[in-house]
């Protein structure tokens, strides 16, 4: 089933996985980019705590194993904000992964914005081919 997590709508449509072990979401940038920042938008209606512990990984390994790609950041708290922005310091990679390590977890995302450069240009990347895991 295809779902839209990167669709420009930060307030409406959200998506979530089933209750499972280490649920994840992955974006293939189709080429190696320098990732400047990643912004995650949490659910405004319920369950914001589902994102606590989520890790943002950037790298060239298509694997969703946490140790395969370097970590840009971890969501440690959801108090008082629906958005979480991580400055990745130009980490290079083809894949951006949001993973929620642990047993019986549900990963909820409303929007993911990736700011990356390729050939010296800075632009947000919006992709509409997201699959529910």
N, C-alpha and C. Protein backbone atom coordinates (compact mmCIF):
# COMPACT_ATOMS: atom_id res chain seq x y z
N UNK A 1 0.84 -1.18 0.00
CA UNK A 1 0.00 0.00 0.00
C UNK A 1 0.88 1.24 0.00
N UNK A 2 0.62 2.17 -0.90
CA UNK A 2 1.38 3.42 -0.94
C UNK A 2 0.71 4.45 -0.07
N UNK A 3 1.53 5.18 0.68
CA UNK A 3 1.01 6.26 1.50
C UNK A 3 1.87 7.48 1.30
N UNK A 4 1.33 8.62 1.55
CA UNK A 4 2.07 9.88 1.39
C UNK A 4 2.51 10.41 2.74
N UNK A 5 3.81 10.39 2.98
CA UNK A 5 4.37 11.02 4.16
C UNK A 5 5.07 12.30 3.74
N UNK A 6 5.50 12.35 2.51
CA UNK A 6 6.10 13.57 1.97
C UNK A 6 5.14 14.08 0.91
N UNK A 7 4.21 14.93 1.35
CA UNK A 7 3.19 15.42 0.42
C UNK A 7 2.90 16.90 0.61
N UNK A 8 3.65 17.58 1.46
CA UNK A 8 3.44 19.00 1.66
C UNK A 8 2.32 19.35 2.62
N UNK A 9 1.61 18.35 3.15
CA UNK A 9 0.50 18.59 4.06
C UNK A 9 0.94 18.26 5.48
N UNK A 10 1.31 19.30 6.27
CA UNK A 10 1.83 19.08 7.60
C UNK A 10 0.74 18.96 8.66
N UNK A 11 -0.50 19.19 8.31
CA UNK A 11 -1.54 19.22 9.33
C UNK A 11 -2.61 18.15 9.16
N UNK A 12 -2.67 17.50 8.05
CA UNK A 12 -3.78 16.59 7.80
C UNK A 12 -3.40 15.13 7.82
N UNK A 13 -3.01 14.61 6.69
CA UNK A 13 -2.78 13.19 6.54
C UNK A 13 -1.51 12.75 7.25
N UNK A 14 -1.67 11.76 8.10
CA UNK A 14 -0.54 11.17 8.79
C UNK A 14 -0.55 9.68 8.49
N UNK A 15 0.55 9.04 8.78
CA UNK A 15 0.66 7.63 8.51
C UNK A 15 1.29 6.94 9.71
N UNK A 16 1.04 5.66 9.85
CA UNK A 16 1.68 4.91 10.92
C UNK A 16 1.85 3.46 10.50
N UNK A 17 2.81 2.81 11.13
CA UNK A 17 3.03 1.39 10.88
C UNK A 17 2.14 0.59 11.82
N UNK A 18 2.18 -0.72 11.64
CA UNK A 18 1.54 -1.62 12.60
C UNK A 18 2.41 -1.68 13.84
N UNK A 19 1.91 -2.27 14.88
CA UNK A 19 2.67 -2.50 16.11
C UNK A 19 3.68 -3.61 15.80
N UNK A 20 4.96 -3.26 15.73
CA UNK A 20 5.96 -4.24 15.29
C UNK A 20 7.32 -3.94 15.89
N UNK A 21 8.26 -4.79 15.61
CA UNK A 21 9.63 -4.63 16.08
C UNK A 21 10.40 -3.69 15.17
N UNK A 22 10.94 -2.63 15.75
CA UNK A 22 11.78 -1.64 15.05
C UNK A 22 11.18 -1.17 13.72
N UNK A 23 9.99 -0.57 13.74
CA UNK A 23 9.40 -0.07 12.50
C UNK A 23 10.25 1.05 11.90
N UNK A 24 10.16 1.20 10.58
CA UNK A 24 11.01 2.17 9.89
C UNK A 24 10.30 2.74 8.68
N UNK A 25 10.86 3.86 8.22
CA UNK A 25 10.45 4.53 6.99
C UNK A 25 11.73 4.92 6.29
N UNK A 26 11.79 4.74 4.96
CA UNK A 26 13.02 5.03 4.22
C UNK A 26 12.72 5.82 2.96
N UNK A 27 13.59 6.80 2.69
CA UNK A 27 13.52 7.60 1.48
C UNK A 27 14.79 7.35 0.67
N UNK A 28 14.62 6.98 -0.59
CA UNK A 28 15.73 6.80 -1.51
C UNK A 28 15.86 8.08 -2.33
N UNK A 29 16.96 8.80 -2.16
CA UNK A 29 17.18 10.06 -2.87
C UNK A 29 17.66 9.83 -4.31
N UNK A 30 17.89 8.58 -4.68
CA UNK A 30 18.28 8.14 -6.02
C UNK A 30 19.71 8.52 -6.41
N UNK A 31 20.39 9.27 -5.57
CA UNK A 31 21.80 9.63 -5.78
C UNK A 31 22.34 10.09 -4.43
N UNK A 32 23.65 10.11 -4.31
CA UNK A 32 24.26 10.58 -3.06
C UNK A 32 24.09 12.09 -2.97
N UNK A 33 23.56 12.54 -1.85
CA UNK A 33 23.35 13.96 -1.57
C UNK A 33 24.08 14.34 -0.29
N UNK A 34 24.29 15.62 -0.11
CA UNK A 34 24.73 16.15 1.18
C UNK A 34 23.48 16.63 1.89
N UNK A 35 23.16 15.98 2.98
CA UNK A 35 21.93 16.30 3.71
C UNK A 35 22.24 17.35 4.77
N UNK A 36 21.64 18.50 4.60
CA UNK A 36 21.82 19.61 5.52
C UNK A 36 20.93 19.46 6.75
N UNK A 37 19.65 19.13 6.53
CA UNK A 37 18.71 19.03 7.64
C UNK A 37 17.56 18.09 7.29
N UNK A 38 16.95 17.54 8.34
CA UNK A 38 15.75 16.71 8.21
C UNK A 38 14.76 17.21 9.25
N UNK A 39 13.52 17.47 8.82
CA UNK A 39 12.46 17.89 9.73
C UNK A 39 11.37 16.83 9.74
N UNK A 40 11.00 16.38 10.94
CA UNK A 40 9.96 15.39 11.13
C UNK A 40 8.75 16.10 11.75
N UNK A 41 7.57 15.87 11.18
CA UNK A 41 6.32 16.43 11.70
C UNK A 41 5.54 15.33 12.40
N UNK A 42 5.24 15.54 13.67
CA UNK A 42 4.52 14.56 14.47
C UNK A 42 3.01 14.74 14.30
N UNK A 43 2.26 13.76 14.78
CA UNK A 43 0.80 13.82 14.74
C UNK A 43 0.27 14.92 15.65
N UNK A 44 -0.66 15.76 15.16
CA UNK A 44 -1.23 16.80 16.02
C UNK A 44 -2.42 16.31 16.84
N UNK A 45 -3.00 15.17 16.47
CA UNK A 45 -4.26 14.73 17.07
C UNK A 45 -4.11 13.75 18.23
N UNK A 46 -3.10 12.91 18.21
CA UNK A 46 -2.91 11.95 19.29
C UNK A 46 -1.53 11.32 19.23
N UNK A 47 -1.19 10.64 20.25
CA UNK A 47 -0.04 9.73 20.29
C UNK A 47 1.32 10.34 19.95
N UNK A 48 1.62 11.58 20.37
CA UNK A 48 2.90 12.16 20.01
C UNK A 48 4.09 11.38 20.57
N UNK A 49 3.86 10.65 21.67
CA UNK A 49 4.94 9.90 22.30
C UNK A 49 5.47 8.75 21.43
N UNK A 50 4.73 8.38 20.40
CA UNK A 50 5.19 7.31 19.52
C UNK A 50 6.54 7.62 18.87
N UNK A 51 6.87 8.90 18.73
CA UNK A 51 8.13 9.27 18.07
C UNK A 51 9.33 9.30 19.01
N UNK A 52 9.10 9.19 20.32
CA UNK A 52 10.23 9.22 21.25
C UNK A 52 11.17 8.05 20.98
N UNK A 53 12.42 8.36 20.77
CA UNK A 53 13.42 7.34 20.48
C UNK A 53 13.68 7.12 19.00
N UNK A 54 12.89 7.76 18.13
CA UNK A 54 13.10 7.60 16.69
C UNK A 54 14.46 8.16 16.30
N UNK A 55 15.16 7.44 15.44
CA UNK A 55 16.48 7.84 14.98
C UNK A 55 16.43 8.18 13.50
N UNK A 56 17.15 9.24 13.12
CA UNK A 56 17.25 9.65 11.73
C UNK A 56 18.64 9.24 11.27
N UNK A 57 18.69 8.36 10.27
CA UNK A 57 19.95 7.83 9.74
C UNK A 57 20.15 8.30 8.32
N UNK A 58 21.39 8.59 7.95
CA UNK A 58 21.72 9.03 6.60
C UNK A 58 22.92 8.22 6.13
N UNK A 59 22.84 7.65 4.95
CA UNK A 59 23.99 6.90 4.46
C UNK A 59 23.73 6.24 3.12
N UNK A 60 24.65 5.38 2.73
CA UNK A 60 24.57 4.74 1.42
C UNK A 60 24.11 3.29 1.47
N UNK A 61 23.90 2.75 2.66
CA UNK A 61 23.43 1.38 2.78
C UNK A 61 21.90 1.37 2.71
N UNK A 62 21.33 0.55 1.82
CA UNK A 62 19.87 0.48 1.75
C UNK A 62 19.26 -0.29 2.93
N UNK A 63 20.11 -0.89 3.75
CA UNK A 63 19.64 -1.67 4.90
C UNK A 63 18.97 -0.76 5.92
N UNK A 64 17.98 -1.30 6.61
CA UNK A 64 17.35 -0.55 7.70
C UNK A 64 17.96 -0.93 9.04
N UNK A 65 19.03 -1.69 9.04
CA UNK A 65 19.75 -2.00 10.27
C UNK A 65 20.34 -0.69 10.81
N UNK A 66 20.11 -0.40 12.08
CA UNK A 66 20.52 0.87 12.67
C UNK A 66 22.02 1.10 12.54
N UNK A 67 22.81 0.06 12.66
CA UNK A 67 24.27 0.22 12.64
C UNK A 67 24.84 0.46 11.24
N UNK A 68 24.05 0.33 10.20
CA UNK A 68 24.55 0.42 8.85
C UNK A 68 24.83 1.85 8.37
N UNK A 69 24.06 2.80 8.81
CA UNK A 69 24.22 4.19 8.38
C UNK A 69 24.39 5.10 9.60
N UNK A 70 25.17 6.18 9.45
CA UNK A 70 25.39 7.11 10.56
C UNK A 70 24.11 7.82 10.99
N UNK A 71 24.04 8.17 12.26
CA UNK A 71 22.87 8.83 12.84
C UNK A 71 23.02 10.34 12.75
N UNK A 72 21.99 10.99 12.24
CA UNK A 72 21.93 12.45 12.24
C UNK A 72 21.34 12.95 13.55
N UNK A 73 20.37 12.22 14.11
CA UNK A 73 19.75 12.66 15.35
C UNK A 73 18.77 11.66 15.90
N UNK A 74 18.34 11.90 17.12
CA UNK A 74 17.36 11.06 17.81
C UNK A 74 16.33 11.96 18.47
N UNK A 75 15.07 11.61 18.34
CA UNK A 75 14.00 12.37 19.01
C UNK A 75 13.94 11.90 20.46
N UNK A 76 14.34 12.77 21.38
CA UNK A 76 14.40 12.40 22.79
C UNK A 76 13.20 12.90 23.58
N UNK A 77 12.46 13.87 23.03
CA UNK A 77 11.31 14.43 23.73
C UNK A 77 10.32 14.97 22.70
N UNK A 78 9.05 14.93 23.03
CA UNK A 78 8.02 15.50 22.17
C UNK A 78 7.27 16.61 22.88
N UNK A 79 7.75 17.01 24.03
CA UNK A 79 7.10 18.06 24.82
C UNK A 79 7.07 19.39 24.09
N UNK A 80 5.88 19.93 23.88
CA UNK A 80 5.73 21.29 23.38
C UNK A 80 5.99 21.54 21.91
N UNK A 81 6.21 20.50 21.11
CA UNK A 81 6.45 20.75 19.69
C UNK A 81 5.94 19.61 18.83
N UNK A 82 5.46 19.96 17.66
CA UNK A 82 5.05 18.95 16.68
C UNK A 82 6.13 18.71 15.63
N UNK A 83 7.14 19.57 15.60
CA UNK A 83 8.20 19.41 14.61
C UNK A 83 9.54 19.18 15.30
N UNK A 84 10.36 18.41 14.64
CA UNK A 84 11.70 18.10 15.13
C UNK A 84 12.66 18.26 13.96
N UNK A 85 13.55 19.24 14.06
CA UNK A 85 14.51 19.49 12.99
C UNK A 85 15.90 19.10 13.46
N UNK A 86 16.57 18.35 12.62
CA UNK A 86 17.93 17.90 12.90
C UNK A 86 18.85 18.44 11.83
N UNK A 87 19.90 19.13 12.26
CA UNK A 87 20.90 19.67 11.35
C UNK A 87 21.98 18.61 11.21
N UNK A 88 22.13 18.11 10.00
CA UNK A 88 22.97 16.94 9.77
C UNK A 88 24.39 17.28 9.34
N UNK A 89 24.72 18.54 9.21
CA UNK A 89 26.09 18.94 8.90
C UNK A 89 26.61 18.39 7.59
N UNK A 90 25.79 18.40 6.57
CA UNK A 90 26.19 17.91 5.24
C UNK A 90 26.59 16.45 5.24
N UNK A 91 25.89 15.63 6.02
CA UNK A 91 26.13 14.18 5.97
C UNK A 91 25.83 13.71 4.55
N UNK A 92 26.65 12.83 4.03
CA UNK A 92 26.44 12.34 2.67
C UNK A 92 25.75 10.98 2.69
N UNK A 93 24.80 10.84 1.77
CA UNK A 93 24.11 9.56 1.66
C UNK A 93 23.02 9.58 0.63
N UNK A 94 22.65 8.39 0.21
CA UNK A 94 21.55 8.21 -0.74
C UNK A 94 20.23 7.95 -0.01
N UNK A 95 20.32 7.41 1.21
CA UNK A 95 19.11 7.00 1.93
C UNK A 95 18.93 7.81 3.21
N UNK A 96 17.68 8.17 3.49
CA UNK A 96 17.29 8.78 4.74
C UNK A 96 16.32 7.81 5.39
N UNK A 97 16.65 7.36 6.60
CA UNK A 97 15.83 6.37 7.30
C UNK A 97 15.39 6.95 8.63
N UNK A 98 14.11 6.77 8.95
CA UNK A 98 13.59 7.05 10.28
C UNK A 98 13.23 5.69 10.86
N UNK A 99 13.88 5.33 11.95
CA UNK A 99 13.64 4.02 12.55
C UNK A 99 13.35 4.20 14.03
N UNK A 100 12.48 3.36 14.55
CA UNK A 100 12.08 3.41 15.95
C UNK A 100 12.48 2.07 16.59
N UNK A 101 13.71 2.01 17.12
CA UNK A 101 14.19 0.74 17.67
C UNK A 101 13.36 0.27 18.86
N UNK A 102 13.20 -1.05 18.95
CA UNK A 102 12.51 -1.64 20.08
C UNK A 102 11.38 -2.56 19.67
N UNK A 103 10.89 -3.30 20.63
CA UNK A 103 9.80 -4.25 20.42
C UNK A 103 8.45 -3.56 20.56
N UNK A 104 7.49 -4.01 19.80
CA UNK A 104 6.10 -3.54 19.89
C UNK A 104 6.02 -2.02 19.85
N UNK A 105 6.51 -1.43 18.77
CA UNK A 105 6.50 0.02 18.57
C UNK A 105 5.65 0.37 17.35
N UNK A 106 5.11 1.57 17.35
CA UNK A 106 4.35 2.10 16.21
C UNK A 106 5.02 3.40 15.79
N UNK A 107 5.44 3.47 14.54
CA UNK A 107 6.06 4.68 14.01
C UNK A 107 4.98 5.51 13.33
N UNK A 108 4.77 6.73 13.83
CA UNK A 108 3.78 7.66 13.26
C UNK A 108 4.52 8.85 12.67
N UNK A 109 4.20 9.19 11.44
CA UNK A 109 4.79 10.35 10.76
C UNK A 109 3.69 11.09 10.01
N UNK A 110 3.75 12.42 10.06
CA UNK A 110 2.82 13.22 9.27
C UNK A 110 3.51 13.84 8.07
N UNK A 111 4.77 14.16 8.21
CA UNK A 111 5.51 14.77 7.11
C UNK A 111 6.99 14.62 7.42
N UNK A 112 7.77 14.45 6.39
CA UNK A 112 9.23 14.44 6.50
C UNK A 112 9.76 15.37 5.43
N UNK A 113 10.56 16.35 5.84
CA UNK A 113 11.21 17.25 4.88
C UNK A 113 12.71 16.98 4.94
N UNK A 114 13.30 16.78 3.78
CA UNK A 114 14.74 16.56 3.68
C UNK A 114 15.32 17.70 2.87
N UNK A 115 16.28 18.40 3.46
CA UNK A 115 16.96 19.50 2.77
C UNK A 115 18.36 19.01 2.42
N UNK A 116 18.64 18.97 1.14
CA UNK A 116 19.89 18.38 0.69
C UNK A 116 20.43 19.16 -0.50
N UNK A 117 21.73 19.00 -0.73
CA UNK A 117 22.32 19.67 -1.87
C UNK A 117 22.89 18.66 -2.84
N UNK A 118 22.75 18.97 -4.09
CA UNK A 118 23.33 18.20 -5.18
C UNK A 118 23.78 19.21 -6.21
N UNK A 119 25.02 19.16 -6.59
CA UNK A 119 25.59 20.11 -7.54
C UNK A 119 25.44 21.55 -7.06
N UNK A 120 25.60 21.75 -5.74
CA UNK A 120 25.60 23.10 -5.18
C UNK A 120 24.25 23.74 -5.01
N UNK A 121 23.15 23.01 -5.17
CA UNK A 121 21.82 23.59 -5.01
C UNK A 121 21.21 23.11 -3.71
N UNK A 122 20.49 23.99 -3.01
CA UNK A 122 19.78 23.64 -1.79
C UNK A 122 18.28 23.63 -2.10
N UNK A 123 17.64 22.49 -1.84
CA UNK A 123 16.23 22.38 -2.15
C UNK A 123 15.58 21.35 -1.25
N UNK A 124 14.28 21.52 -0.93
CA UNK A 124 13.58 20.46 -0.22
C UNK A 124 13.21 19.38 -1.22
N UNK A 125 13.32 18.14 -0.83
CA UNK A 125 12.99 17.02 -1.71
C UNK A 125 11.65 16.46 -1.30
N UNK A 126 10.70 16.43 -2.22
CA UNK A 126 9.39 15.87 -1.94
C UNK A 126 9.18 14.67 -2.85
N UNK A 127 8.89 13.51 -2.26
CA UNK A 127 8.70 12.28 -3.00
C UNK A 127 7.38 11.67 -2.59
N UNK A 128 6.64 11.11 -3.54
CA UNK A 128 5.32 10.55 -3.26
C UNK A 128 5.27 9.05 -3.45
N UNK A 129 6.34 8.33 -3.17
CA UNK A 129 6.35 6.89 -3.32
C UNK A 129 6.76 6.25 -2.01
N UNK A 130 5.93 6.40 -1.00
CA UNK A 130 6.22 5.91 0.34
C UNK A 130 5.37 4.66 0.56
N UNK A 131 5.99 3.59 1.05
CA UNK A 131 5.27 2.35 1.27
C UNK A 131 5.11 2.08 2.75
N UNK A 132 3.95 1.64 3.14
CA UNK A 132 3.68 1.31 4.53
C UNK A 132 4.38 0.01 4.86
N UNK A 133 5.10 -0.01 5.99
CA UNK A 133 5.82 -1.22 6.40
C UNK A 133 5.03 -1.99 7.42
